[in-house]
Structure formats: C-alpha cells, structure tokens
PDB file of N, CA and C in Angstrom:
ATOM      1  N   UNK A   1       6.190 158.171  62.535  1.00  0.00           N
ATOM      2  CA  UNK A   1       6.605 158.571  63.846  1.00  0.00           C
ATOM      3  C   UNK A   1       6.958 160.055  63.794  1.00  0.00           C
ATOM      4  N   UNK A   2       6.517 160.744  64.794  1.00  0.00           N
ATOM      5  CA  UNK A   2       6.783 162.176  64.864  1.00  0.00           C
ATOM      6  C   UNK A   2       8.219 162.442  65.291  1.00  0.00           C
ATOM      7  N   UNK A   3       8.740 163.532  64.815  1.00  0.00           N
ATOM      8  CA  UNK A   3      10.082 163.936  65.228  1.00  0.00           C
ATOM      9  C   UNK A   3      10.057 164.233  66.723  1.00  0.00           C
ATOM     10  N   UNK A   4      11.104 163.801  67.420  1.00  0.00           N
ATOM     11  CA  UNK A   4      11.258 163.972  68.869  1.00  0.00           C
ATOM     12  C   UNK A   4      10.272 163.135  69.680  1.00  0.00           C
ATOM     13  N   UNK A   5       9.640 162.145  69.043  1.00  0.00           N
ATOM     14  CA  UNK A   5       8.734 161.267  69.782  1.00  0.00           C
ATOM     15  C   UNK A   5       9.552 160.370  70.706  1.00  0.00           C
ATOM     16  N   UNK A   6       8.964 160.031  71.834  1.00  0.00           N
ATOM     17  CA  UNK A   6       9.642 159.167  72.802  1.00  0.00           C
ATOM     18  C   UNK A   6       9.562 157.722  72.330  1.00  0.00           C
ATOM     19  N   UNK A   7      10.690 157.025  72.413  1.00  0.00           N
ATOM     20  CA  UNK A   7      10.755 155.610  72.049  1.00  0.00           C
ATOM     21  C   UNK A   7      11.188 154.839  73.284  1.00  0.00           C
ATOM     22  N   UNK A   8      10.467 153.780  73.614  1.00  0.00           N
ATOM     23  CA  UNK A   8      10.831 152.942  74.761  1.00  0.00           C
ATOM     24  C   UNK A   8      11.443 151.647  74.254  1.00  0.00           C
ATOM     25  N   UNK A   9      12.607 151.309  74.783  1.00  0.00           N
ATOM     26  CA  UNK A   9      13.290 150.068  74.432  1.00  0.00           C
ATOM     27  C   UNK A   9      13.389 149.183  75.657  1.00  0.00           C
ATOM     28  N   UNK A  10      13.223 147.890  75.446  1.00  0.00           N
ATOM     29  CA  UNK A  10      13.413 146.921  76.515  1.00  0.00           C
ATOM     30  C   UNK A  10      14.579 146.038  76.108  1.00  0.00           C
ATOM     31  N   UNK A  11      15.646 146.077  76.888  1.00  0.00           N
ATOM     32  CA  UNK A  11      16.863 145.346  76.558  1.00  0.00           C
ATOM     33  C   UNK A  11      16.890 144.038  77.343  1.00  0.00           C
ATOM     34  N   UNK A  12      17.237 142.966  76.652  1.00  0.00           N
ATOM     35  CA  UNK A  12      17.309 141.648  77.283  1.00  0.00           C
ATOM     36  C   UNK A  12      18.688 141.055  77.068  1.00  0.00           C
ATOM     37  N   UNK A  13      19.154 140.319  78.061  1.00  0.00           N
ATOM     38  CA  UNK A  13      20.425 139.596  77.934  1.00  0.00           C
ATOM     39  C   UNK A  13      20.182 138.175  77.437  1.00  0.00           C
ATOM     40  N   UNK A  14      18.994 137.908  76.933  1.00  0.00           N
ATOM     41  CA  UNK A  14      18.660 136.567  76.469  1.00  0.00           C
ATOM     42  C   UNK A  14      17.944 135.795  77.560  1.00  0.00           C
ATOM     43  N   UNK A  15      17.733 134.498  77.341  1.00  0.00           N
ATOM     44  CA  UNK A  15      17.013 133.708  78.337  1.00  0.00           C
ATOM     45  C   UNK A  15      17.794 133.619  79.644  1.00  0.00           C
ATOM     46  N   UNK A  16      17.050 133.550  80.730  1.00  0.00           N
ATOM     47  CA  UNK A  16      17.655 133.405  82.051  1.00  0.00           C
ATOM     48  C   UNK A  16      18.477 132.116  82.095  1.00  0.00           C
ATOM     49  N   UNK A  17      19.598 132.158  82.754  1.00  0.00           N
ATOM     50  CA  UNK A  17      20.457 130.982  82.885  1.00  0.00           C
ATOM     51  C   UNK A  17      20.327 130.426  84.305  1.00  0.00           C
ATOM     52  N   UNK A  18      20.434 129.116  84.435  1.00  0.00           N
ATOM     53  CA  UNK A  18      20.422 128.461  85.743  1.00  0.00           C
ATOM     54  C   UNK A  18      21.716 127.667  85.888  1.00  0.00           C
ATOM     55  N   UNK A  19      22.089 127.385  87.117  1.00  0.00           N
ATOM     56  CA  UNK A  19      23.345 126.677  87.387  1.00  0.00           C
ATOM     57  C   UNK A  19      23.047 125.213  87.684  1.00  0.00           C
ATOM     58  N   UNK A  20      23.788 124.331  87.042  1.00  0.00           N
ATOM     59  CA  UNK A  20      23.628 122.889  87.243  1.00  0.00           C
ATOM     60  C   UNK A  20      24.320 122.503  88.553  1.00  0.00           C
ATOM     61  N   UNK A  21      23.587 121.855  89.476  1.00  0.00           N
ATOM     62  CA  UNK A  21      24.219 121.447  90.731  1.00  0.00           C
ATOM     63  C   UNK A  21      25.082 120.199  90.547  1.00  0.00           C
ATOM     64  N   UNK A  22      25.990 119.968  91.476  1.00  0.00           N
ATOM     65  CA  UNK A  22      26.811 118.758  91.467  1.00  0.00           C
ATOM     66  C   UNK A  22      25.964 117.591  91.959  1.00  0.00           C
ATOM     67  N   UNK A  23      25.920 116.523  91.147  1.00  0.00           N
ATOM     68  CA  UNK A  23      25.218 115.311  91.573  1.00  0.00           C
ATOM     69  C   UNK A  23      26.114 114.078  91.475  1.00  0.00           C
ATOM     70  N   UNK A  24      27.377 114.280  91.080  1.00  0.00           N
ATOM     71  CA  UNK A  24      28.330 113.160  91.022  1.00  0.00           C
ATOM     72  C   UNK A  24      28.461 112.565  92.421  1.00  0.00           C
ATOM     73  N   UNK A  25      28.518 111.240  92.487  1.00  0.00           N
ATOM     74  CA  UNK A  25      28.628 110.445  93.716  1.00  0.00           C
ATOM     75  C   UNK A  25      27.303 110.265  94.454  1.00  0.00           C
ATOM     76  N   UNK A  26      26.209 110.820  93.926  1.00  0.00           N
ATOM     77  CA  UNK A  26      24.897 110.561  94.509  1.00  0.00           C
ATOM     78  C   UNK A  26      24.298 109.319  93.852  1.00  0.00           C
ATOM     79  N   UNK A  27      23.417 108.603  94.570  1.00  0.00           N
ATOM     80  CA  UNK A  27      22.672 107.533  93.899  1.00  0.00           C
ATOM     81  C   UNK A  27      21.900 108.133  92.722  1.00  0.00           C
ATOM     82  N   UNK A  28      21.831 107.407  91.630  1.00  0.00           N
ATOM     83  CA  UNK A  28      21.210 107.912  90.401  1.00  0.00           C
ATOM     84  C   UNK A  28      19.785 108.411  90.627  1.00  0.00           C
ATOM     85  N   UNK A  29      19.003 107.658  91.367  1.00  0.00           N
ATOM     86  CA  UNK A  29      17.609 108.053  91.584  1.00  0.00           C
ATOM     87  C   UNK A  29      17.523 109.364  92.363  1.00  0.00           C
ATOM     88  N   UNK A  30      18.383 109.531  93.360  1.00  0.00           N
ATOM     89  CA  UNK A  30      18.400 110.770  94.137  1.00  0.00           C
ATOM     90  C   UNK A  30      18.835 111.947  93.261  1.00  0.00           C
ATOM     91  N   UNK A  31      19.863 111.732  92.452  1.00  0.00           N
ATOM     92  CA  UNK A  31      20.354 112.783  91.554  1.00  0.00           C
ATOM     93  C   UNK A  31      19.255 113.210  90.587  1.00  0.00           C
ATOM     94  N   UNK A  32      18.523 112.242  90.070  1.00  0.00           N
ATOM     95  CA  UNK A  32      17.438 112.542  89.140  1.00  0.00           C
ATOM     96  C   UNK A  32      16.373 113.399  89.824  1.00  0.00           C
ATOM     97  N   UNK A  33      16.023 113.067  91.062  1.00  0.00           N
ATOM     98  CA  UNK A  33      15.031 113.845  91.805  1.00  0.00           C
ATOM     99  C   UNK A  33      15.509 115.275  92.038  1.00  0.00           C
ATOM    100  N   UNK A  34      16.782 115.430  92.410  1.00  0.00           N
ATOM    101  CA  UNK A  34      17.350 116.764  92.644  1.00  0.00           C
ATOM    102  C   UNK A  34      17.256 117.601  91.376  1.00  0.00           C
ATOM    103  N   UNK A  35      17.699 117.030  90.268  1.00  0.00           N
ATOM    104  CA  UNK A  35      17.726 117.774  89.011  1.00  0.00           C
ATOM    105  C   UNK A  35      16.318 118.097  88.506  1.00  0.00           C
ATOM    106  N   UNK A  36      15.435 117.120  88.533  1.00  0.00           N
ATOM    107  CA  UNK A  36      14.063 117.359  88.074  1.00  0.00           C
ATOM    108  C   UNK A  36      13.369 118.383  88.964  1.00  0.00           C
ATOM    109  N   UNK A  37      13.678 118.361  90.263  1.00  0.00           N
ATOM    110  CA  UNK A  37      13.111 119.335  91.192  1.00  0.00           C
ATOM    111  C   UNK A  37      13.549 120.762  90.896  1.00  0.00           C
ATOM    112  N   UNK A  38      14.667 120.903  90.190  1.00  0.00           N
ATOM    113  CA  UNK A  38      15.163 122.231  89.823  1.00  0.00           C
ATOM    114  C   UNK A  38      14.833 122.582  88.367  1.00  0.00           C
ATOM    115  N   UNK A  39      13.991 121.750  87.735  1.00  0.00           N
ATOM    116  CA  UNK A  39      13.504 122.076  86.404  1.00  0.00           C
ATOM    117  C   UNK A  39      14.317 121.536  85.242  1.00  0.00           C
ATOM    118  N   UNK A  40      15.269 120.654  85.510  1.00  0.00           N
ATOM    119  CA  UNK A  40      16.054 120.059  84.432  1.00  0.00           C
ATOM    120  C   UNK A  40      15.362 118.803  83.922  1.00  0.00           C
ATOM    121  N   UNK A  41      15.623 118.464  82.665  1.00  0.00           N
ATOM    122  CA  UNK A  41      15.236 117.160  82.131  1.00  0.00           C
ATOM    123  C   UNK A  41      16.424 116.243  82.368  1.00  0.00           C
ATOM    124  N   UNK A  42      16.175 114.967  82.644  1.00  0.00           N
ATOM    125  CA  UNK A  42      17.261 114.047  83.003  1.00  0.00           C
ATOM    126  C   UNK A  42      17.216 112.811  82.125  1.00  0.00           C
ATOM    127  N   UNK A  43      18.389 112.396  81.643  1.00  0.00           N
ATOM    128  CA  UNK A  43      18.542 111.120  80.944  1.00  0.00           C
ATOM    129  C   UNK A  43      19.601 110.332  81.689  1.00  0.00           C
ATOM    130  N   UNK A  44      19.276 109.080  82.009  1.00  0.00           N
ATOM    131  CA  UNK A  44      20.208 108.217  82.735  1.00  0.00           C
ATOM    132  C   UNK A  44      20.782 107.192  81.773  1.00  0.00           C
ATOM    133  N   UNK A  45      22.106 107.140  81.686  1.00  0.00           N
ATOM    134  CA  UNK A  45      22.800 106.140  80.875  1.00  0.00           C
ATOM    135  C   UNK A  45      23.339 105.042  81.784  1.00  0.00           C
ATOM    136  N   UNK A  46      23.323 103.834  81.289  1.00  0.00           N
ATOM    137  CA  UNK A  46      23.856 102.628  81.927  1.00  0.00           C
ATOM    138  C   UNK A  46      22.961 102.134  83.040  1.00  0.00           C
ATOM    139  N   UNK A  47      23.369 102.197  84.299  1.00  0.00           N
ATOM    140  CA  UNK A  47      22.661 101.532  85.395  1.00  0.00           C
ATOM    141  C   UNK A  47      21.884 102.525  86.256  1.00  0.00           C
ATOM    142  N   UNK A  48      20.553 102.618  86.091  1.00  0.00           N
ATOM    143  CA  UNK A  48      19.777 103.576  86.882  1.00  0.00           C
ATOM    144  C   UNK A  48      19.771 103.271  88.377  1.00  0.00           C
ATOM    145  N   UNK A  49      20.204 102.083  88.761  1.00  0.00           N
ATOM    146  CA  UNK A  49      20.283 101.733  90.186  1.00  0.00           C
ATOM    147  C   UNK A  49      21.660 102.059  90.770  1.00  0.00           C
ATOM    148  N   UNK A  50      22.562 102.556  89.946  1.00  0.00           N
ATOM    149  CA  UNK A  50      23.934 102.815  90.375  1.00  0.00           C
ATOM    150  C   UNK A  50      24.128 104.205  90.963  1.00  0.00           C
ATOM    151  N   UNK A  51      25.387 104.626  90.942  1.00  0.00           N
ATOM    152  CA  UNK A  51      25.812 105.922  91.474  1.00  0.00           C
ATOM    153  C   UNK A  51      26.302 106.773  90.306  1.00  0.00           C
ATOM    154  N   UNK A  52      26.016 108.072  90.362  1.00  0.00           N
ATOM    155  CA  UNK A  52      26.432 108.983  89.289  1.00  0.00           C
ATOM    156  C   UNK A  52      27.953 109.091  89.279  1.00  0.00           C
ATOM    157  N   UNK A  53      28.548 108.802  88.135  1.00  0.00           N
ATOM    158  CA  UNK A  53      30.002 108.928  87.964  1.00  0.00           C
ATOM    159  C   UNK A  53      30.354 110.111  87.070  1.00  0.00           C
ATOM    160  N   UNK A  54      29.457 110.420  86.112  1.00  0.00           N
ATOM    161  CA  UNK A  54      29.684 111.545  85.201  1.00  0.00           C
ATOM    162  C   UNK A  54      28.351 112.261  85.002  1.00  0.00           C
ATOM    163  N   UNK A  55      28.404 113.584  84.990  1.00  0.00           N
ATOM    164  CA  UNK A  55      27.215 114.363  84.637  1.00  0.00           C
ATOM    165  C   UNK A  55      27.599 115.331  83.530  1.00  0.00           C
ATOM    166  N   UNK A  56      26.670 115.517  82.595  1.00  0.00           N
ATOM    167  CA  UNK A  56      26.917 116.422  81.483  1.00  0.00           C
ATOM    168  C   UNK A  56      25.628 117.167  81.168  1.00  0.00           C
ATOM    169  N   UNK A  57      25.604 118.490  81.287  1.00  0.00           N
ATOM    170  CA  UNK A  57      26.701 119.388  81.599  1.00  0.00           C
ATOM    171  C   UNK A  57      27.169 119.234  83.044  1.00  0.00           C
ATOM    172  N   UNK A  58      28.406 119.610  83.267  1.00  0.00           N
ATOM    173  CA  UNK A  58      29.031 119.464  84.577  1.00  0.00           C
ATOM    174  C   UNK A  58      28.510 120.463  85.598  1.00  0.00           C
ATOM    175  N   UNK A  59      28.903 120.213  86.845  1.00  0.00           N
ATOM    176  CA  UNK A  59      28.475 121.088  87.938  1.00  0.00           C
ATOM    177  C   UNK A  59      28.894 122.534  87.680  1.00  0.00           C
ATOM    178  N   UNK A  60      28.053 123.436  88.141  1.00  0.00           N
ATOM    179  CA  UNK A  60      28.254 124.884  88.028  1.00  0.00           C
ATOM    180  C   UNK A  60      28.176 125.429  86.599  1.00  0.00           C
ATOM    181  N   UNK A  61      27.790 124.567  85.633  1.00  0.00           N
ATOM    182  CA  UNK A  61      27.563 125.070  84.273  1.00  0.00           C
ATOM    183  C   UNK A  61      26.330 125.969  84.280  1.00  0.00           C
ATOM    184  N   UNK A  62      26.370 127.043  83.514  1.00  0.00           N
ATOM    185  CA  UNK A  62      25.210 127.916  83.355  1.00  0.00           C
ATOM    186  C   UNK A  62      24.502 127.536  82.062  1.00  0.00           C
ATOM    187  N   UNK A  63      23.238 127.145  82.195  1.00  0.00           N
ATOM    188  CA  UNK A  63      22.470 126.645  81.058  1.00  0.00           C
ATOM    189  C   UNK A  63      21.058 127.231  81.094  1.00  0.00           C
ATOM    190  N   UNK A  64      20.336 127.197  79.967  1.00  0.00           N
ATOM    191  CA  UNK A  64      18.939 127.635  79.978  1.00  0.00           C
ATOM    192  C   UNK A  64      18.084 126.673  80.809  1.00  0.00           C
ATOM    193  N   UNK A  65      16.986 127.168  81.385  1.00  0.00           N
ATOM    194  CA  UNK A  65      16.071 126.277  82.102  1.00  0.00           C
ATOM    195  C   UNK A  65      15.602 125.146  81.185  1.00  0.00           C
ATOM    196  N   UNK A  66      15.263 124.014  81.771  1.00  0.00           N
ATOM    197  CA  UNK A  66      14.748 122.842  81.059  1.00  0.00           C
ATOM    198  C   UNK A  66      15.811 122.154  80.206  1.00  0.00           C
ATOM    199  N   UNK A  67      17.088 122.417  80.471  1.00  0.00           N
ATOM    200  CA  UNK A  67      18.180 121.739  79.768  1.00  0.00           C
ATOM    201  C   UNK A  67      18.216 120.274  80.189  1.00  0.00           C
ATOM    202  N   UNK A  68      18.591 119.398  79.258  1.00  0.00           N
ATOM    203  CA  UNK A  68      18.752 117.983  79.589  1.00  0.00           C
ATOM    204  C   UNK A  68      20.122 117.766  80.227  1.00  0.00           C
ATOM    205  N   UNK A  69      20.119 117.062  81.364  1.00  0.00           N
ATOM    206  CA  UNK A  69      21.357 116.662  82.030  1.00  0.00           C
ATOM    207  C   UNK A  69      21.470 115.152  81.875  1.00  0.00           C
ATOM    208  N   UNK A  70      22.608 114.701  81.355  1.00  0.00           N
ATOM    209  CA  UNK A  70      22.836 113.274  81.154  1.00  0.00           C
ATOM    210  C   UNK A  70      23.673 112.754  82.314  1.00  0.00           C
ATOM    211  N   UNK A  71      23.167 111.716  82.966  1.00  0.00           N
ATOM    212  CA  UNK A  71      23.868 111.090  84.082  1.00  0.00           C
ATOM    213  C   UNK A  71      24.393 109.731  83.646  1.00  0.00           C
ATOM    214  N   UNK A  72      25.686 109.514  83.822  1.00  0.00           N
ATOM    215  CA  UNK A  72      26.270 108.196  83.583  1.00  0.00           C
ATOM    216  C   UNK A  72      26.425 107.543  84.944  1.00  0.00           C
ATOM    217  N   UNK A  73      25.671 106.470  85.149  1.00  0.00           N
ATOM    218  CA  UNK A  73      25.625 105.812  86.452  1.00  0.00           C
ATOM    219  C   UNK A  73      26.208 104.411  86.357  1.00  0.00           C
ATOM    220  N   UNK A  74      27.019 104.061  87.322  1.00  0.00           N
ATOM    221  CA  UNK A  74      27.635 102.731  87.388  1.00  0.00           C
ATOM    222  C   UNK A  74      27.336 102.097  88.727  1.00  0.00           C
TER     223      UNK A  74
END
C-alpha cells in the first residue's frame, strides 16, 4: 500500500435486530401466524389449540431475524 493512500472502511453494528411483538392472550394459531409473518420461527409447547400464556423471548425483545419464539399455550 502506498503512503497516503485512501482507505475505505465500512462499519457495521452487527446484524439487524427486530422487535418481538406481544402475542400473549392470542389464540396459539393466530400468534403463530403473526410471528411467522414477521419472519420468526415458532415452536408451540403444550396445547396448540389453546391460548398463548407465555412467550419467549418476551414482547419488545430485540433479537436477530429468524429467531425462534417459543409459545406456551394452555
């Protein structure tokens, strides 16, 4: 490299983060559609015909795209 040559740097803050929406109290199937529609992977624990009681990661969490969201449905 020559002395005084121009160097270009591209700075990144890492992968883009997305916010997990609140799906607690929604029917499990509806919650799954909402999350999958926003690019999340979804795993349903217990009763897929029930209502979401717990979601992990929780609402408003900032996560990388394609993160798995676990729904506990009763």
